Amino acid sequence: MLETLRRVSDHMSRHPFFAPGALRNGHLMTLFASLRPRRWRIGSIPVESREFEPEPGVRVLAYCHWQEIRLNRPTVIIIHGLEGSADARYVIGTAEKMWARGLNVIRYNVRSCGGTERLSPTLYHSGLTSDIRALLEELRERDGLENLIVVGFSMGGNQALKLAGELGENGALLLRGVCAISPAIDLEASSVAIGRRENWLYQENFVRSLKASLRRKAAIFPDRYDVEVLRGVRTLRDFDDLVTAPSFGFRDAVDYYTRSSSQPLIPAIRIPTLIIHAQDDPFIPVEPLTDRSISANRSIVLVMPEHGGHVAFVGKRDSGEDRCWAENRAAAFCSLIS
């Protein structure tokens, strides 16, 4: 494994991130990446819509892009961020790059996301790893796919790292490796950061989306959810206190954040792992990643560019690549460890 990680580290050193001068601001970079026009080729790639059942009565939907001989190829499962979906821009962009490298790709909708509210009576949360673990186990046992890699963005990055930490010494029995981009590894710190005045736009968008998601859920399962609780929701912490925590048996938002953050488990990771996080990420703090217990883990390659924003990293063009630096690095990582 150490030789594999050396190759990954060498690759990252040869391809550093260079932010254009106008985008050397975390807010501008984040907003620009979310709004700039992009052209997709995903429509020309064969796709299978497939439902997985991680537990009785719960189904999740994934879009599987299989290479012609799937058993001979590594399979990458991509997890989106909070209130995202398998159709998020960064998910599609990463999927196209993985496919071009000859990898199988699975664009995974987290439970109840991506218009799948009817598939499960329950919600999701940022530390929910049981669904993705069940998906991986099914791919190995039913499909015979052994070379499995998880790539997670933001919330999905936290889930990916948390799962790898939970698996610990047994990680290699299920996963070849993990890549996390802009991961929210300390949910309490992220809650504080997004509550700052300068981050009101992000918080407002998340809260509005979460409220709409709960209303859709309540319309389908009226006996299970009471939308009146949303009257008390103004912030993400409010939503987690009043909705997320009680839905999953957490005492309150603080208990949820503590038990669902990947940071305490990252030192236990024993599979090749790449973590990319910008120092100027506007609402996911980089400081938790500077903990000595993480940097001392020899299974992890940690890259923290000065600029890059949140799940953005629109850089200067590299030879043969588009400007989506983190997507390209994730694809290269998956090829290098396969």
Protein backbone atom coordinates (compact mmCIF):
# COMPACT_ATOMS: atom_id res chain seq x y z
CA MET A 1 0.00 0.00 0.00
CA LEU A 2 2.83 2.42 0.78
CA GLU A 3 4.08 2.19 -2.82
CA THR A 4 0.55 3.00 -4.04
CA LEU A 5 0.35 6.01 -1.76
CA ARG A 6 3.77 7.16 -2.94
CA ARG A 7 2.47 7.15 -6.52
CA VAL A 8 -0.59 9.14 -5.43
CA SER A 9 1.54 11.65 -3.54
CA ASP A 10 3.90 12.04 -6.52
CA HIS A 11 0.95 12.61 -8.83
CA MET A 12 -0.49 15.31 -6.56
CA SER A 13 2.91 17.00 -6.39
CA ARG A 14 3.11 17.07 -10.19
CA HIS A 15 -0.39 18.51 -10.51
CA PRO A 16 -0.79 21.27 -7.90
CA PHE A 17 -3.85 23.49 -7.93
CA PHE A 18 -3.45 26.97 -9.41
CA ALA A 19 -6.44 29.25 -8.96
CA PRO A 20 -6.94 32.04 -11.51
CA GLY A 21 -6.29 35.43 -9.96
CA ALA A 22 -9.93 36.49 -10.08
CA LEU A 23 -11.00 33.36 -8.19
CA ARG A 24 -8.58 33.52 -5.27
CA ASN A 25 -11.49 34.03 -2.93
CA GLY A 26 -13.41 31.13 -1.43
CA HIS A 27 -16.83 32.67 -1.95
CA LEU A 28 -16.20 33.70 -5.56
CA MET A 29 -14.69 30.32 -6.39
CA THR A 30 -17.59 28.42 -4.84
CA LEU A 31 -20.28 30.48 -6.57
CA PHE A 32 -18.48 30.52 -9.91
CA ALA A 33 -18.13 26.72 -9.92
CA SER A 34 -21.83 26.28 -9.18
CA LEU A 35 -22.97 28.64 -11.94
CA ARG A 36 -20.51 28.39 -14.83
CA PRO A 37 -21.82 26.63 -17.96
CA ARG A 38 -20.62 23.07 -18.52
CA ARG A 39 -21.22 20.60 -21.31
CA TRP A 40 -22.05 17.02 -20.42
CA ARG A 41 -21.40 13.75 -22.24
CA ILE A 42 -23.19 11.62 -19.65
CA GLY A 43 -26.19 11.17 -21.96
CA SER A 44 -24.08 9.14 -24.38
CA ILE A 45 -22.80 6.76 -21.68
CA PRO A 46 -24.83 3.57 -21.12
CA VAL A 47 -26.70 3.66 -17.80
CA GLU A 48 -28.64 1.22 -15.64
CA SER A 49 -31.02 2.58 -12.99
CA ARG A 50 -30.80 0.24 -10.03
CA GLU A 51 -32.36 0.15 -6.59
CA PHE A 52 -30.54 -1.25 -3.57
CA GLU A 53 -32.27 -2.27 -0.33
CA PRO A 54 -29.93 -1.52 2.61
CA GLU A 55 -32.60 -2.50 5.14
CA PRO A 56 -36.20 -3.75 4.99
CA GLY A 57 -38.52 -1.08 3.63
CA VAL A 58 -35.67 1.22 2.59
CA ARG A 59 -34.43 1.53 -0.98
CA VAL A 60 -31.86 3.82 -2.55
CA LEU A 61 -31.49 4.58 -6.24
CA ALA A 62 -28.20 4.59 -8.12
CA TYR A 63 -27.25 5.13 -11.76
CA CYS A 64 -24.73 2.53 -12.87
CA HIS A 65 -22.45 3.08 -15.85
CA TRP A 66 -20.85 -0.26 -16.67
CA GLN A 67 -17.87 -0.78 -18.94
CA GLU A 68 -18.31 -3.54 -21.53
CA ILE A 69 -16.64 -6.15 -19.31
CA ARG A 70 -17.46 -4.83 -15.86
CA LEU A 71 -15.79 -7.57 -13.80
CA ASN A 72 -12.37 -6.62 -15.13
CA ARG A 73 -12.73 -2.95 -14.21
CA PRO A 74 -12.59 -1.03 -10.92
CA THR A 75 -15.93 0.40 -9.80
CA VAL A 76 -16.22 3.91 -8.36
CA ILE A 77 -19.21 4.89 -6.23
CA ILE A 78 -19.74 8.67 -6.04
CA ILE A 79 -21.57 10.20 -3.05
CA HIS A 80 -22.99 13.72 -3.33
CA GLY A 81 -23.24 16.44 -0.70
CA LEU A 82 -26.03 17.74 1.54
CA GLU A 83 -29.30 18.12 -0.40
CA GLY A 84 -27.51 17.09 -3.58
CA SER A 85 -28.18 14.16 -5.86
CA ALA A 86 -26.64 11.82 -8.39
CA ASP A 87 -27.25 14.58 -10.94
CA ALA A 88 -25.15 17.20 -9.16
CA ARG A 89 -22.73 18.96 -11.50
CA TYR A 90 -19.63 17.72 -9.67
CA VAL A 91 -20.99 14.15 -9.60
CA ILE A 92 -21.62 14.11 -13.35
CA GLY A 93 -18.28 15.76 -14.10
CA THR A 94 -16.41 13.24 -11.98
CA ALA A 95 -18.37 10.33 -13.43
CA GLU A 96 -17.45 11.33 -16.98
CA LYS A 97 -13.77 11.45 -16.06
CA MET A 98 -13.89 8.06 -14.36
CA TRP A 99 -15.67 6.54 -17.35
CA ALA A 100 -13.10 7.96 -19.75
CA ARG A 101 -10.40 6.18 -17.74
CA GLY A 102 -12.16 2.84 -18.24
CA LEU A 103 -13.74 2.58 -14.78
CA ASN A 104 -17.25 1.48 -13.90
CA VAL A 105 -19.10 4.38 -12.27
CA ILE A 106 -22.08 4.42 -9.90
CA ARG A 107 -23.77 7.75 -9.22
CA TYR A 108 -25.42 7.16 -5.87
CA ASN A 109 -28.44 9.00 -4.48
CA VAL A 110 -28.24 9.21 -0.70
CA ARG A 111 -31.42 7.90 0.93
CA SER A 112 -34.44 10.09 0.05
CA CYS A 113 -32.41 12.38 -2.22
CA GLY A 114 -32.69 12.98 -5.95
CA GLY A 115 -36.47 12.66 -6.06
CA THR A 116 -36.47 9.30 -4.26
CA GLU A 117 -38.60 10.30 -1.26
CA ARG A 118 -41.09 7.49 -2.01
CA LEU A 119 -38.44 4.80 -1.79
CA SER A 120 -37.96 5.17 1.95
CA PRO A 121 -40.11 6.34 4.87
CA THR A 122 -37.00 7.70 6.59
CA LEU A 123 -34.69 10.67 6.06
CA TYR A 124 -30.89 10.72 5.81
CA HIS A 125 -28.14 12.30 7.85
CA SER A 126 -24.51 13.27 7.35
CA GLY A 127 -23.07 10.28 9.18
CA LEU A 128 -25.31 7.58 7.70
CA THR A 129 -22.88 4.93 6.46
CA SER A 130 -25.05 1.81 6.66
CA ASP A 131 -26.64 2.41 3.24
CA ILE A 132 -23.40 2.79 1.32
CA ARG A 133 -21.90 -0.19 3.17
CA ALA A 134 -24.88 -2.35 2.18
CA LEU A 135 -24.51 -1.20 -1.44
CA LEU A 136 -20.82 -2.13 -1.44
CA GLU A 137 -21.52 -5.52 0.08
CA GLU A 138 -24.15 -6.26 -2.57
CA LEU A 139 -21.79 -5.26 -5.36
CA ARG A 140 -19.17 -7.66 -4.01
CA GLU A 141 -21.44 -10.57 -3.15
CA ARG A 142 -24.06 -10.45 -5.91
CA ASP A 143 -22.14 -8.82 -8.75
CA GLY A 144 -18.70 -10.22 -7.98
CA LEU A 145 -17.08 -6.78 -8.10
CA GLU A 146 -14.03 -6.72 -5.83
CA ASN A 147 -12.23 -3.52 -6.81
CA LEU A 148 -14.51 -0.91 -5.18
CA ILE A 149 -13.62 2.73 -4.52
CA VAL A 150 -15.73 5.44 -2.89
CA VAL A 151 -15.47 9.12 -3.81
CA GLY A 152 -17.43 11.54 -1.62
CA PHE A 153 -18.04 15.28 -1.80
CA SER A 154 -18.74 17.46 1.26
CA MET A 155 -21.31 15.47 3.29
CA GLY A 156 -20.52 12.47 1.07
CA GLY A 157 -16.86 12.93 1.93
CA ASN A 158 -17.69 12.70 5.62
CA GLN A 159 -19.68 9.52 5.00
CA ALA A 160 -16.87 7.98 2.93
CA LEU A 161 -14.20 8.73 5.55
CA LYS A 162 -16.43 7.64 8.42
CA LEU A 163 -17.12 4.31 6.72
CA ALA A 164 -13.41 3.72 6.08
CA GLY A 165 -12.68 4.54 9.72
CA GLU A 166 -15.43 2.24 10.96
CA LEU A 167 -14.00 -0.60 8.88
CA GLY A 168 -10.52 0.04 10.26
CA GLU A 169 -8.14 -2.90 9.81
CA ASN A 170 -10.82 -4.73 7.80
CA GLY A 171 -11.24 -1.91 5.29
CA ALA A 172 -9.40 -3.71 2.51
CA LEU A 173 -11.93 -6.56 2.67
CA LEU A 174 -14.56 -4.21 1.25
CA LEU A 175 -12.81 -1.21 -0.28
CA ARG A 176 -9.76 -0.53 -2.42
CA GLY A 177 -9.67 3.13 -1.41
CA VAL A 178 -11.48 6.35 -0.58
CA CYS A 179 -11.31 9.91 -1.90
CA ALA A 180 -12.96 12.82 -0.08
CA ILE A 181 -13.27 16.32 -1.53
CA SER A 182 -14.18 19.23 0.76
CA PRO A 183 -15.33 16.77 3.46
CA ALA A 184 -17.29 18.03 6.46
CA ILE A 185 -15.38 15.91 8.99
CA ASP A 186 -16.39 18.00 12.03
CA LEU A 187 -20.13 18.69 11.81
CA GLU A 188 -20.17 20.93 14.87
CA ALA A 189 -17.42 23.14 13.44
CA SER A 190 -19.22 23.25 10.09
CA SER A 191 -22.46 24.24 11.80
CA VAL A 192 -20.72 27.13 13.51
CA ALA A 193 -18.98 28.23 10.31
CA ILE A 194 -22.09 28.26 8.13
CA GLY A 195 -23.87 30.28 10.81
CA ARG A 196 -21.52 33.22 10.31
CA ARG A 197 -23.01 36.33 8.77
CA GLU A 198 -20.91 36.13 5.61
CA ASN A 199 -22.29 32.63 4.95
CA TRP A 200 -25.98 33.52 5.14
CA LEU A 201 -26.56 32.70 1.46
CA TYR A 202 -25.32 29.11 1.80
CA GLN A 203 -27.28 28.55 4.98
CA GLU A 204 -30.43 30.05 3.50
CA ASN A 205 -30.19 27.77 0.45
CA PHE A 206 -29.64 24.65 2.55
CA VAL A 207 -32.45 25.47 4.96
CA ARG A 208 -34.88 26.23 2.15
CA SER A 209 -34.01 22.96 0.43
CA LEU A 210 -34.25 20.89 3.62
CA LYS A 211 -37.65 22.37 4.44
CA ALA A 212 -38.92 21.58 0.96
CA SER A 213 -37.57 18.04 1.25
CA LEU A 214 -39.38 17.47 4.54
CA ARG A 215 -42.64 18.83 3.12
CA ARG A 216 -42.38 16.41 0.18
CA LYS A 217 -41.67 13.60 2.61
CA ALA A 218 -44.63 14.53 4.81
CA ALA A 219 -46.95 14.59 1.79
CA ILE A 220 -46.03 10.95 1.11
CA PHE A 221 -45.85 9.80 4.75
CA PRO A 222 -48.26 12.15 6.58
CA ASP A 223 -48.47 9.94 9.67
CA ARG A 224 -44.72 10.07 10.17
CA TYR A 225 -43.84 13.76 9.76
CA ASP A 226 -45.29 17.00 11.11
CA VAL A 227 -44.30 20.01 9.03
CA GLU A 228 -45.40 22.33 11.83
CA VAL A 229 -42.00 21.74 13.38
CA LEU A 230 -40.50 23.77 10.53
CA ARG A 231 -41.92 26.93 12.09
CA GLY A 232 -39.01 26.82 14.50
CA VAL A 233 -36.35 26.26 11.85
CA ARG A 234 -34.23 29.25 10.85
CA THR A 235 -30.79 27.67 10.64
CA LEU A 236 -29.20 24.32 9.82
CA ARG A 237 -28.65 23.72 13.52
CA ASP A 238 -32.36 24.32 14.13
CA PHE A 239 -33.23 21.72 11.48
CA ASP A 240 -30.79 19.23 12.96
CA ASP A 241 -32.11 19.87 16.47
CA LEU A 242 -35.80 19.62 15.57
CA VAL A 243 -35.81 17.18 12.65
CA THR A 244 -32.60 15.23 12.02
CA ALA A 245 -31.68 14.37 15.61
CA PRO A 246 -35.09 13.04 16.75
CA SER A 247 -35.58 11.18 13.46
CA PHE A 248 -32.50 9.05 14.15
CA GLY A 249 -32.51 8.76 17.94
CA PHE A 250 -29.90 11.41 18.67
CA ARG A 251 -30.42 13.45 21.83
CA ASP A 252 -30.04 16.78 20.02
CA ALA A 253 -27.97 18.46 17.30
CA VAL A 254 -24.79 18.34 19.39
CA ASP A 255 -25.18 14.60 19.99
CA TYR A 256 -25.84 14.10 16.27
CA TYR A 257 -22.77 16.11 15.26
CA THR A 258 -20.55 14.31 17.76
CA ARG A 259 -21.62 10.79 16.77
CA SER A 260 -21.78 11.43 13.02
CA SER A 261 -18.50 13.26 12.37
CA SER A 262 -15.74 11.28 10.72
CA GLN A 263 -12.86 13.14 12.38
CA PRO A 264 -12.47 10.78 15.38
CA LEU A 265 -12.45 7.75 13.06
CA ILE A 266 -10.05 8.98 10.39
CA PRO A 267 -6.94 7.86 12.34
CA ALA A 268 -8.26 4.27 12.09
CA ILE A 269 -8.33 4.27 8.25
CA ARG A 270 -6.08 1.57 6.78
CA ILE A 271 -6.81 1.82 3.03
CA PRO A 272 -5.40 4.29 0.47
CA THR A 273 -7.15 7.61 1.05
CA LEU A 274 -6.94 10.98 -0.66
CA ILE A 275 -8.40 14.05 1.05
CA ILE A 276 -8.61 17.36 -0.82
CA HIS A 277 -9.75 20.46 1.05
CA ALA A 278 -9.23 24.15 0.25
CA GLN A 279 -7.96 26.42 2.99
CA ASP A 280 -10.41 29.10 1.86
CA ASP A 281 -13.49 26.85 1.92
CA PRO A 282 -16.12 29.37 3.08
CA PHE A 283 -18.23 27.11 5.30
CA ILE A 284 -16.41 23.81 5.91
CA PRO A 285 -13.41 24.65 8.13
CA VAL A 286 -10.03 23.25 7.19
CA GLU A 287 -8.72 23.32 10.78
CA PRO A 288 -10.06 19.87 11.81
CA LEU A 289 -7.89 18.33 9.09
CA THR A 290 -4.74 19.80 10.63
CA ASP A 291 -5.09 17.49 13.63
CA ARG A 292 -1.88 15.53 14.12
CA SER A 293 -3.73 12.22 14.30
CA ILE A 294 -4.82 12.69 10.68
CA SER A 295 -1.55 13.88 9.19
CA ALA A 296 0.28 11.04 10.99
CA ASN A 297 -1.87 8.38 9.32
CA ARG A 298 0.35 6.83 6.65
CA SER A 299 -2.72 5.63 4.70
CA ILE A 300 -3.76 9.20 3.91
CA VAL A 301 -2.55 11.69 1.33
CA LEU A 302 -3.80 15.07 2.50
CA VAL A 303 -3.81 17.99 0.06
CA MET A 304 -4.88 21.44 1.24
CA PRO A 305 -4.46 24.10 -1.47
CA GLU A 306 -4.57 27.72 -0.38
CA HIS A 307 -7.51 28.35 -2.70
CA GLY A 308 -10.33 26.27 -4.16
CA GLY A 309 -13.53 27.16 -2.31
CA HIS A 310 -16.09 24.46 -1.51
CA VAL A 311 -16.35 21.57 -4.00
CA ALA A 312 -15.12 24.01 -6.63
CA PHE A 313 -11.41 24.00 -7.58
CA VAL A 314 -11.81 25.66 -10.97
CA GLY A 315 -8.17 25.95 -11.94
CA LYS A 316 -5.96 26.80 -14.84
CA ARG A 317 -5.99 24.24 -17.63
CA ASP A 318 -3.59 21.33 -17.32
CA SER A 319 -2.42 19.34 -20.34
CA GLY A 320 -5.27 17.19 -21.64
CA GLU A 321 -7.62 18.16 -18.80
CA ASP A 322 -10.49 20.56 -18.28
CA ARG A 323 -10.42 23.17 -15.51
CA CYS A 324 -12.09 20.94 -12.88
CA TRP A 325 -8.94 20.16 -10.95
CA ALA A 326 -10.40 18.15 -8.04
CA GLU A 327 -12.50 15.98 -10.36
CA ASN A 328 -9.39 15.19 -12.39
CA ARG A 329 -7.35 14.40 -9.27
CA ALA A 330 -10.09 12.08 -7.98
CA ALA A 331 -10.14 10.23 -11.31
CA ALA A 332 -6.36 9.92 -11.34
CA PHE A 333 -6.38 8.64 -7.75
CA CYS A 334 -8.86 5.90 -8.60
CA SER A 335 -6.75 4.81 -11.56
CA LEU A 336 -3.54 4.82 -9.55
CA ILE A 337 -4.83 2.63 -6.72
CA SER A 338 -6.71 0.14 -8.94
